[in-house]
Amino acid sequence: MNQEKTAWWGIGVSLLAAACLMMPALAAATAGQGGRQAAAAASTGPDGLKGGTPAEPRPARVRFLDSGSGESKAAREKRLRRECKGRPNAGACLGYTR
């Protein structure tokens, strides 16, 4: 009876390992990556240049937000020089202690 349980346990572990190894392939197939590659290959002309198919949409532009403090660089320099007099030359005051 002990050998039977061991055999079933081994089969279960083997099936689990096979399923884990097949997941990336299944995910790629369901995501449609294979279709994109086939379409890209079909869209190339005889000279190897792409053309003839509508272009893929471009990603949205990235917008960088301001720091939010509303303080200009010059105003920050002045403030740090004023606040850091006599303090240790470390942290936010690094370079402003003179």
PDB file of N, CA and C in Angstrom:
ATOM      1  N   MET A   1       0.817  -1.185   0.000  1.00  0.00           N
ATOM      2  CA  MET A   1       0.000   0.000   0.000  1.00  0.00           C
ATOM      3  C   MET A   1       0.865   1.254   0.000  1.00  0.00           C
ATOM      4  N   ASN A   2       1.981   1.238   0.680  1.00  0.00           N
ATOM      5  CA  ASN A   2       2.867   2.384   0.738  1.00  0.00           C
ATOM      6  C   ASN A   2       3.472   2.662  -0.639  1.00  0.00           C
ATOM      7  N   GLN A   3       3.808   1.613  -1.381  1.00  0.00           N
ATOM      8  CA  GLN A   3       4.367   1.791  -2.720  1.00  0.00           C
ATOM      9  C   GLN A   3       3.332   2.397  -3.666  1.00  0.00           C
ATOM     10  N   GLU A   4       2.076   2.052  -3.485  1.00  0.00           N
ATOM     11  CA  GLU A   4       1.014   2.588  -4.335  1.00  0.00           C
ATOM     12  C   GLU A   4       0.858   4.089  -4.122  1.00  0.00           C
ATOM     13  N   LYS A   5       0.906   4.528  -2.853  1.00  0.00           N
ATOM     14  CA  LYS A   5       0.803   5.957  -2.561  1.00  0.00           C
ATOM     15  C   LYS A   5       1.991   6.714  -3.135  1.00  0.00           C
ATOM     16  N   THR A   6       3.166   6.118  -3.034  1.00  0.00           N
ATOM     17  CA  THR A   6       4.361   6.754  -3.561  1.00  0.00           C
ATOM     18  C   THR A   6       4.278   6.900  -5.069  1.00  0.00           C
ATOM     19  N   ALA A   7       3.751   5.877  -5.742  1.00  0.00           N
ATOM     20  CA  ALA A   7       3.618   5.925  -7.195  1.00  0.00           C
ATOM     21  C   ALA A   7       2.646   7.033  -7.607  1.00  0.00           C
ATOM     22  N   TRP A   8       1.507   7.145  -6.935  1.00  0.00           N
ATOM     23  CA  TRP A   8       0.533   8.183  -7.264  1.00  0.00           C
ATOM     24  C   TRP A   8       1.088   9.569  -6.974  1.00  0.00           C
ATOM     25  N   TRP A   9       1.846   9.681  -5.893  1.00  0.00           N
ATOM     26  CA  TRP A   9       2.445  10.951  -5.551  1.00  0.00           C
ATOM     27  C   TRP A   9       3.458  11.371  -6.617  1.00  0.00           C
ATOM     28  N   GLY A  10       4.244  10.428  -7.103  1.00  0.00           N
ATOM     29  CA  GLY A  10       5.219  10.700  -8.157  1.00  0.00           C
ATOM     30  C   GLY A  10       4.548  11.126  -9.455  1.00  0.00           C
ATOM     31  N   ILE A  11       3.443  10.479  -9.789  1.00  0.00           N
ATOM     32  CA  ILE A  11       2.702  10.839 -11.002  1.00  0.00           C
ATOM     33  C   ILE A  11       2.135  12.257 -10.864  1.00  0.00           C
ATOM     34  N   GLY A  12       1.605  12.565  -9.702  1.00  0.00           N
ATOM     35  CA  GLY A  12       1.047  13.900  -9.478  1.00  0.00           C
ATOM     36  C   GLY A  12       2.099  14.993  -9.584  1.00  0.00           C
ATOM     37  N   VAL A  13       3.269  14.755  -9.006  1.00  0.00           N
ATOM     38  CA  VAL A  13       4.353  15.726  -9.073  1.00  0.00           C
ATOM     39  C   VAL A  13       4.821  15.902 -10.515  1.00  0.00           C
ATOM     40  N   SER A  14       4.884  14.811 -11.266  1.00  0.00           N
ATOM     41  CA  SER A  14       5.302  14.881 -12.664  1.00  0.00           C
ATOM     42  C   SER A  14       4.315  15.695 -13.490  1.00  0.00           C
ATOM     43  N   LEU A  15       3.020  15.479 -13.278  1.00  0.00           N
ATOM     44  CA  LEU A  15       2.005  16.237 -14.009  1.00  0.00           C
ATOM     45  C   LEU A  15       2.053  17.720 -13.643  1.00  0.00           C
ATOM     46  N   LEU A  16       2.276  18.017 -12.384  1.00  0.00           N
ATOM     47  CA  LEU A  16       2.373  19.399 -11.954  1.00  0.00           C
ATOM     48  C   LEU A  16       3.582  20.084 -12.595  1.00  0.00           C
ATOM     49  N   ALA A  17       4.698  19.407 -12.638  1.00  0.00           N
ATOM     50  CA  ALA A  17       5.897  19.968 -13.257  1.00  0.00           C
ATOM     51  C   ALA A  17       5.685  20.194 -14.754  1.00  0.00           C
ATOM     52  N   ALA A  18       5.028  19.253 -15.431  1.00  0.00           N
ATOM     53  CA  ALA A  18       4.761  19.412 -16.858  1.00  0.00           C
ATOM     54  C   ALA A  18       3.836  20.604 -17.103  1.00  0.00           C
ATOM     55  N   ALA A  19       2.836  20.781 -16.247  1.00  0.00           N
ATOM     56  CA  ALA A  19       1.916  21.914 -16.402  1.00  0.00           C
ATOM     57  C   ALA A  19       2.650  23.235 -16.200  1.00  0.00           C
ATOM     58  N   CYS A  20       3.557  23.299 -15.234  1.00  0.00           N
ATOM     59  CA  CYS A  20       4.316  24.529 -14.987  1.00  0.00           C
ATOM     60  C   CYS A  20       5.234  24.862 -16.157  1.00  0.00           C
ATOM     61  N   LEU A  21       5.795  23.849 -16.777  1.00  0.00           N
ATOM     62  CA  LEU A  21       6.674  24.080 -17.917  1.00  0.00           C
ATOM     63  C   LEU A  21       5.907  24.506 -19.156  1.00  0.00           C
ATOM     64  N   MET A  22       4.636  24.135 -19.252  1.00  0.00           N
ATOM     65  CA  MET A  22       3.850  24.474 -20.437  1.00  0.00           C
ATOM     66  C   MET A  22       3.150  25.826 -20.313  1.00  0.00           C
ATOM     67  N   MET A  23       3.098  26.422 -19.119  1.00  0.00           N
ATOM     68  CA  MET A  23       2.373  27.682 -18.924  1.00  0.00           C
ATOM     69  C   MET A  23       2.868  28.818 -19.807  1.00  0.00           C
ATOM     70  N   PRO A  24       4.183  29.059 -19.947  1.00  0.00           N
ATOM     71  CA  PRO A  24       4.616  30.162 -20.813  1.00  0.00           C
ATOM     72  C   PRO A  24       4.177  29.976 -22.266  1.00  0.00           C
ATOM     73  N   ALA A  25       4.201  28.753 -22.749  1.00  0.00           N
ATOM     74  CA  ALA A  25       3.785  28.501 -24.121  1.00  0.00           C
ATOM     75  C   ALA A  25       2.288  28.748 -24.286  1.00  0.00           C
ATOM     76  N   LEU A  26       1.507  28.349 -23.303  1.00  0.00           N
ATOM     77  CA  LEU A  26       0.071  28.586 -23.370  1.00  0.00           C
ATOM     78  C   LEU A  26      -0.248  30.068 -23.279  1.00  0.00           C
ATOM     79  N   ALA A  27       0.460  30.785 -22.434  1.00  0.00           N
ATOM     80  CA  ALA A  27       0.221  32.217 -22.298  1.00  0.00           C
ATOM     81  C   ALA A  27       0.559  32.946 -23.584  1.00  0.00           C
ATOM     82  N   ALA A  28       1.641  32.555 -24.240  1.00  0.00           N
ATOM     83  CA  ALA A  28       2.022  33.199 -25.497  1.00  0.00           C
ATOM     84  C   ALA A  28       0.994  32.911 -26.583  1.00  0.00           C
ATOM     85  N   ALA A  29       0.464  31.716 -26.596  1.00  0.00           N
ATOM     86  CA  ALA A  29      -0.517  31.363 -27.616  1.00  0.00           C
ATOM     87  C   ALA A  29      -1.823  32.109 -27.409  1.00  0.00           C
ATOM     88  N   THR A  30      -2.234  32.289 -26.167  1.00  0.00           N
ATOM     89  CA  THR A  30      -3.501  32.975 -25.915  1.00  0.00           C
ATOM     90  C   THR A  30      -3.356  34.479 -26.053  1.00  0.00           C
ATOM     91  N   ALA A  31      -2.153  35.012 -25.888  1.00  0.00           N
ATOM     92  CA  ALA A  31      -1.948  36.451 -26.020  1.00  0.00           C
ATOM     93  C   ALA A  31      -1.923  36.878 -27.481  1.00  0.00           C
ATOM     94  N   GLY A  32      -1.790  35.950 -28.380  1.00  0.00           N
ATOM     95  CA  GLY A  32      -1.802  36.279 -29.799  1.00  0.00           C
ATOM     96  C   GLY A  32      -0.451  36.709 -30.327  1.00  0.00           C
ATOM     97  N   GLN A  33       0.625  36.387 -29.645  1.00  0.00           N
ATOM     98  CA  GLN A  33       1.936  36.786 -30.126  1.00  0.00           C
ATOM     99  C   GLN A  33       2.286  36.048 -31.412  1.00  0.00           C
ATOM    100  N   GLY A  34       1.842  34.850 -31.557  1.00  0.00           N
ATOM    101  CA  GLY A  34       2.117  34.098 -32.775  1.00  0.00           C
ATOM    102  C   GLY A  34       1.459  34.754 -33.973  1.00  0.00           C
ATOM    103  N   GLY A  35       0.279  35.319 -33.796  1.00  0.00           N
ATOM    104  CA  GLY A  35      -0.411  35.991 -34.890  1.00  0.00           C
ATOM    105  C   GLY A  35       0.302  37.256 -35.323  1.00  0.00           C
ATOM    106  N   ARG A  36       0.890  37.975 -34.389  1.00  0.00           N
ATOM    107  CA  ARG A  36       1.630  39.189 -34.732  1.00  0.00           C
ATOM    108  C   ARG A  36       2.853  38.858 -35.561  1.00  0.00           C
ATOM    109  N   GLN A  37       3.542  37.794 -35.192  1.00  0.00           N
ATOM    110  CA  GLN A  37       4.730  37.420 -35.938  1.00  0.00           C
ATOM    111  C   GLN A  37       4.371  37.013 -37.358  1.00  0.00           C
ATOM    112  N   ALA A  38       3.273  36.300 -37.517  1.00  0.00           N
ATOM    113  CA  ALA A  38       2.862  35.874 -38.847  1.00  0.00           C
ATOM    114  C   ALA A  38       2.449  37.082 -39.676  1.00  0.00           C
ATOM    115  N   ALA A  39       1.750  38.035 -39.072  1.00  0.00           N
ATOM    116  CA  ALA A  39       1.322  39.229 -39.792  1.00  0.00           C
ATOM    117  C   ALA A  39       2.527  40.077 -40.175  1.00  0.00           C
ATOM    118  N   ALA A  40       3.510  40.165 -39.301  1.00  0.00           N
ATOM    119  CA  ALA A  40       4.707  40.948 -39.600  1.00  0.00           C
ATOM    120  C   ALA A  40       5.482  40.310 -40.743  1.00  0.00           C
ATOM    121  N   ALA A  41       5.543  38.991 -40.751  1.00  0.00           N
ATOM    122  CA  ALA A  41       6.249  38.309 -41.825  1.00  0.00           C
ATOM    123  C   ALA A  41       5.513  38.486 -43.145  1.00  0.00           C
ATOM    124  N   ALA A  42       4.187  38.507 -43.104  1.00  0.00           N
ATOM    125  CA  ALA A  42       3.405  38.641 -44.330  1.00  0.00           C
ATOM    126  C   ALA A  42       3.439  40.074 -44.852  1.00  0.00           C
ATOM    127  N   SER A  43       3.692  41.053 -43.970  1.00  0.00           N
ATOM    128  CA  SER A  43       3.635  42.440 -44.403  1.00  0.00           C
ATOM    129  C   SER A  43       4.934  42.909 -45.047  1.00  0.00           C
ATOM    130  N   THR A  44       5.990  42.122 -44.966  1.00  0.00           N
ATOM    131  CA  THR A  44       7.238  42.546 -45.583  1.00  0.00           C
ATOM    132  C   THR A  44       7.165  42.322 -47.077  1.00  0.00           C
ATOM    133  N   GLY A  45       7.696  43.286 -47.798  1.00  0.00           N
ATOM    134  CA  GLY A  45       7.695  43.203 -49.251  1.00  0.00           C
ATOM    135  C   GLY A  45       8.861  42.387 -49.755  1.00  0.00           C
ATOM    136  N   PRO A  46       9.017  42.325 -51.077  1.00  0.00           N
ATOM    137  CA  PRO A  46      10.109  41.530 -51.641  1.00  0.00           C
ATOM    138  C   PRO A  46      11.480  42.088 -51.300  1.00  0.00           C
ATOM    139  N   ASP A  47      11.560  43.402 -51.033  1.00  0.00           N
ATOM    140  CA  ASP A  47      12.852  43.983 -50.684  1.00  0.00           C
ATOM    141  C   ASP A  47      13.132  43.944 -49.188  1.00  0.00           C
ATOM    142  N   GLY A  48      12.230  43.334 -48.400  1.00  0.00           N
ATOM    143  CA  GLY A  48      12.427  43.174 -46.974  1.00  0.00           C
ATOM    144  C   GLY A  48      11.924  44.340 -46.145  1.00  0.00           C
ATOM    145  N   LEU A  49      11.335  45.360 -46.785  1.00  0.00           N
ATOM    146  CA  LEU A  49      10.822  46.507 -46.045  1.00  0.00           C
ATOM    147  C   LEU A  49       9.370  46.281 -45.678  1.00  0.00           C
ATOM    148  N   LYS A  50       8.980  46.811 -44.535  1.00  0.00           N
ATOM    149  CA  LYS A  50       7.599  46.670 -44.104  1.00  0.00           C
ATOM    150  C   LYS A  50       6.730  47.673 -44.841  1.00  0.00           C
ATOM    151  N   GLY A  51       5.487  47.308 -45.005  1.00  0.00           N
ATOM    152  CA  GLY A  51       4.553  48.226 -45.640  1.00  0.00           C
ATOM    153  C   GLY A  51       3.301  47.487 -46.046  1.00  0.00           C
ATOM    154  N   GLY A  52       2.256  48.211 -46.287  1.00  0.00           N
ATOM    155  CA  GLY A  52       1.035  47.592 -46.769  1.00  0.00           C
ATOM    156  C   GLY A  52       0.037  47.272 -45.680  1.00  0.00           C
ATOM    157  N   THR A  53       0.434  47.304 -44.420  1.00  0.00           N
ATOM    158  CA  THR A  53      -0.501  47.032 -43.334  1.00  0.00           C
ATOM    159  C   THR A  53      -0.583  48.267 -42.464  1.00  0.00           C
ATOM    160  N   PRO A  54      -1.695  48.495 -41.803  1.00  0.00           N
ATOM    161  CA  PRO A  54      -1.790  49.673 -40.939  1.00  0.00           C
ATOM    162  C   PRO A  54      -0.793  49.577 -39.783  1.00  0.00           C
ATOM    163  N   ALA A  55      -0.234  50.709 -39.434  1.00  0.00           N
ATOM    164  CA  ALA A  55       0.766  50.740 -38.367  1.00  0.00           C
ATOM    165  C   ALA A  55       0.111  50.468 -37.021  1.00  0.00           C
ATOM    166  N   GLU A  56       0.873  49.891 -36.126  1.00  0.00           N
ATOM    167  CA  GLU A  56       0.372  49.642 -34.779  1.00  0.00           C
ATOM    168  C   GLU A  56       0.255  50.973 -34.051  1.00  0.00           C
ATOM    169  N   PRO A  57      -0.712  51.114 -33.172  1.00  0.00           N
ATOM    170  CA  PRO A  57      -0.864  52.383 -32.460  1.00  0.00           C
ATOM    171  C   PRO A  57       0.349  52.670 -31.583  1.00  0.00           C
ATOM    172  N   ARG A  58       0.747  53.929 -31.562  1.00  0.00           N
ATOM    173  CA  ARG A  58       1.895  54.326 -30.750  1.00  0.00           C
ATOM    174  C   ARG A  58       1.487  54.396 -29.287  1.00  0.00           C
ATOM    175  N   PRO A  59       2.408  54.121 -28.388  1.00  0.00           N
ATOM    176  CA  PRO A  59       2.070  54.232 -26.958  1.00  0.00           C
ATOM    177  C   PRO A  59       1.847  55.696 -26.588  1.00  0.00           C
ATOM    178  N   ALA A  60       1.133  55.904 -25.525  1.00  0.00           N
ATOM    179  CA  ALA A  60       0.842  57.261 -25.061  1.00  0.00           C
ATOM    180  C   ALA A  60       2.128  57.959 -24.649  1.00  0.00           C
ATOM    181  N   ARG A  61       2.148  59.268 -24.780  1.00  0.00           N
ATOM    182  CA  ARG A  61       3.317  60.046 -24.382  1.00  0.00           C
ATOM    183  C   ARG A  61       3.430  60.104 -22.871  1.00  0.00           C
ATOM    184  N   VAL A  62       4.634  60.065 -22.400  1.00  0.00           N
ATOM    185  CA  VAL A  62       4.880  60.137 -20.965  1.00  0.00           C
ATOM    186  C   VAL A  62       5.006  61.604 -20.575  1.00  0.00           C
ATOM    187  N   ARG A  63       4.281  62.006 -19.555  1.00  0.00           N
ATOM    188  CA  ARG A  63       4.359  63.372 -19.058  1.00  0.00           C
ATOM    189  C   ARG A  63       4.996  63.353 -17.676  1.00  0.00           C
ATOM    190  N   PHE A  64       6.008  64.175 -17.495  1.00  0.00           N
ATOM    191  CA  PHE A  64       6.675  64.256 -16.213  1.00  0.00           C
ATOM    192  C   PHE A  64       6.026  65.364 -15.397  1.00  0.00           C
ATOM    193  N   LEU A  65       5.669  65.049 -14.184  1.00  0.00           N
ATOM    194  CA  LEU A  65       5.029  66.015 -13.315  1.00  0.00           C
ATOM    195  C   LEU A  65       6.079  66.822 -12.569  1.00  0.00           C
ATOM    196  N   ASP A  66       5.727  68.057 -12.214  1.00  0.00           N
ATOM    197  CA  ASP A  66       6.621  68.881 -11.413  1.00  0.00           C
ATOM    198  C   ASP A  66       6.764  68.262 -10.036  1.00  0.00           C
ATOM    199  N   SER A  67       7.771  68.724  -9.314  1.00  0.00           N
ATOM    200  CA  SER A  67       8.008  68.182  -7.980  1.00  0.00           C
ATOM    201  C   SER A  67       6.864  68.507  -7.030  1.00  0.00           C
ATOM    202  N   GLY A  68       6.095  69.535  -7.340  1.00  0.00           N
ATOM    203  CA  GLY A  68       4.949  69.843  -6.517  1.00  0.00           C
ATOM    204  C   GLY A  68       5.213  70.871  -5.436  1.00  0.00           C
ATOM    205  N   SER A  69       6.475  71.215  -5.196  1.00  0.00           N
ATOM    206  CA  SER A  69       6.752  72.182  -4.136  1.00  0.00           C
ATOM    207  C   SER A  69       6.490  73.604  -4.613  1.00  0.00           C
ATOM    208  N   GLY A  70       6.549  73.827  -5.921  1.00  0.00           N
ATOM    209  CA  GLY A  70       6.330  75.164  -6.452  1.00  0.00           C
ATOM    210  C   GLY A  70       7.513  76.082  -6.227  1.00  0.00           C
ATOM    211  N   GLU A  71       8.647  75.541  -5.847  1.00  0.00           N
ATOM    212  CA  GLU A  71       9.836  76.325  -5.522  1.00  0.00           C
ATOM    213  C   GLU A  71      10.804  76.248  -6.702  1.00  0.00           C
ATOM    214  N   SER A  72      11.301  77.383  -7.145  1.00  0.00           N
ATOM    215  CA  SER A  72      12.260  77.382  -8.248  1.00  0.00           C
ATOM    216  C   SER A  72      13.620  76.905  -7.737  1.00  0.00           C
ATOM    217  N   LYS A  73      14.512  76.580  -8.683  1.00  0.00           N
ATOM    218  CA  LYS A  73      15.838  76.097  -8.276  1.00  0.00           C
ATOM    219  C   LYS A  73      16.620  77.175  -7.538  1.00  0.00           C
ATOM    220  N   ALA A  74      16.511  78.412  -8.001  1.00  0.00           N
ATOM    221  CA  ALA A  74      17.233  79.504  -7.352  1.00  0.00           C
ATOM    222  C   ALA A  74      16.715  79.732  -5.933  1.00  0.00           C
ATOM    223  N   ALA A  75      15.390  79.682  -5.772  1.00  0.00           N
ATOM    224  CA  ALA A  75      14.814  79.886  -4.436  1.00  0.00           C
ATOM    225  C   ALA A  75      15.221  78.756  -3.497  1.00  0.00           C
ATOM    226  N   ARG A  76      15.303  77.546  -4.013  1.00  0.00           N
ATOM    227  CA  ARG A  76      15.712  76.402  -3.186  1.00  0.00           C
ATOM    228  C   ARG A  76      17.161  76.553  -2.741  1.00  0.00           C
ATOM    229  N   GLU A  77      18.029  76.992  -3.683  1.00  0.00           N
ATOM    230  CA  GLU A  77      19.439  77.204  -3.344  1.00  0.00           C
ATOM    231  C   GLU A  77      19.572  78.233  -2.204  1.00  0.00           C
ATOM    232  N   LYS A  78      18.853  79.349  -2.336  1.00  0.00           N
ATOM    233  CA  LYS A  78      18.908  80.389  -1.306  1.00  0.00           C
ATOM    234  C   LYS A  78      18.442  79.868   0.044  1.00  0.00           C
ATOM    235  N   ARG A  79      17.323  79.161   0.041  1.00  0.00           N
ATOM    236  CA  ARG A  79      16.766  78.632   1.285  1.00  0.00           C
ATOM    237  C   ARG A  79      17.729  77.666   1.946  1.00  0.00           C
ATOM    238  N   LEU A  80      18.317  76.749   1.154  1.00  0.00           N
ATOM    239  CA  LEU A  80      19.239  75.769   1.729  1.00  0.00           C
ATOM    240  C   LEU A  80      20.493  76.441   2.277  1.00  0.00           C
ATOM    241  N   ARG A  81      21.002  77.457   1.583  1.00  0.00           N
ATOM    242  CA  ARG A  81      22.176  78.165   2.108  1.00  0.00           C
ATOM    243  C   ARG A  81      21.845  78.833   3.445  1.00  0.00           C
ATOM    244  N   ARG A  82      20.657  79.409   3.543  1.00  0.00           N
ATOM    245  CA  ARG A  82      20.230  80.087   4.765  1.00  0.00           C
ATOM    246  C   ARG A  82      20.000  79.100   5.913  1.00  0.00           C
ATOM    247  N   GLU A  83      19.301  77.983   5.610  1.00  0.00           N
ATOM    248  CA  GLU A  83      18.922  77.038   6.659  1.00  0.00           C
ATOM    249  C   GLU A  83      20.064  76.133   7.098  1.00  0.00           C
ATOM    250  N   CYS A  84      21.052  75.937   6.240  1.00  0.00           N
ATOM    251  CA  CYS A  84      22.101  74.959   6.546  1.00  0.00           C
ATOM    252  C   CYS A  84      23.357  75.567   7.147  1.00  0.00           C
ATOM    253  N   LYS A  85      23.367  76.871   7.422  1.00  0.00           N
ATOM    254  CA  LYS A  85      24.546  77.484   8.029  1.00  0.00           C
ATOM    255  C   LYS A  85      24.809  76.864   9.390  1.00  0.00           C
ATOM    256  N   GLY A  86      26.037  76.373   9.589  1.00  0.00           N
ATOM    257  CA  GLY A  86      26.429  75.816  10.877  1.00  0.00           C
ATOM    258  C   GLY A  86      25.988  74.381  11.099  1.00  0.00           C
ATOM    259  N   ARG A  87      25.360  73.777  10.151  1.00  0.00           N
ATOM    260  CA  ARG A  87      24.922  72.379  10.306  1.00  0.00           C
ATOM    261  C   ARG A  87      25.955  71.430   9.722  1.00  0.00           C
ATOM    262  N   PRO A  88      25.843  70.136  10.034  1.00  0.00           N
ATOM    263  CA  PRO A  88      26.753  69.158   9.438  1.00  0.00           C
ATOM    264  C   PRO A  88      26.554  69.076   7.925  1.00  0.00           C
ATOM    265  N   ASN A  89      27.651  68.826   7.220  1.00  0.00           N
ATOM    266  CA  ASN A  89      27.615  68.743   5.764  1.00  0.00           C
ATOM    267  C   ASN A  89      27.126  67.356   5.343  1.00  0.00           C
ATOM    268  N   ALA A  90      25.824  67.099   5.521  1.00  0.00           N
ATOM    269  CA  ALA A  90      25.255  65.799   5.189  1.00  0.00           C
ATOM    270  C   ALA A  90      23.767  65.953   4.897  1.00  0.00           C
ATOM    271  N   GLY A  91      23.223  64.954   4.254  1.00  0.00           N
ATOM    272  CA  GLY A  91      21.787  64.944   3.963  1.00  0.00           C
ATOM    273  C   GLY A  91      21.404  66.041   2.992  1.00  0.00           C
ATOM    274  N   ALA A  92      20.317  66.752   3.282  1.00  0.00           N
ATOM    275  CA  ALA A  92      19.848  67.810   2.409  1.00  0.00           C
ATOM    276  C   ALA A  92      20.823  68.981   2.388  1.00  0.00           C
ATOM    277  N   CYS A  93      21.622  69.145   3.435  1.00  0.00           N
ATOM    278  CA  CYS A  93      22.546  70.262   3.543  1.00  0.00           C
ATOM    279  C   CYS A  93      23.896  69.986   2.886  1.00  0.00           C
ATOM    280  N   LEU A  94      24.047  68.869   2.241  1.00  0.00           N
ATOM    281  CA  LEU A  94      25.330  68.507   1.615  1.00  0.00           C
ATOM    282  C   LEU A  94      25.706  69.563   0.578  1.00  0.00           C
ATOM    283  N   GLY A  95      26.777  70.263   0.802  1.00  0.00           N
ATOM    284  CA  GLY A  95      27.255  71.284  -0.122  1.00  0.00           C
ATOM    285  C   GLY A  95      26.741  72.672   0.173  1.00  0.00           C
ATOM    286  N   TYR A  96      25.877  72.859   1.155  1.00  0.00           N
ATOM    287  CA  TYR A  96      25.302  74.170   1.461  1.00  0.00           C
ATOM    288  C   TYR A  96      25.725  74.693   2.830  1.00  0.00           C
ATOM    289  N   THR A  97      26.709  74.101   3.452  1.00  0.00           N
ATOM    290  CA  THR A  97      27.062  74.494   4.832  1.00  0.00           C
ATOM    291  C   THR A  97      28.093  75.600   4.895  1.00  0.00           C
ATOM    292  N   ARG A  98      28.641  76.057   3.803  1.00  0.00           N
ATOM    293  CA  ARG A  98      29.689  77.084   3.828  1.00  0.00           C
ATOM    294  C   ARG A  98      29.114  78.441   4.078  1.00  0.00           C
TER     295      ARG A  98
END
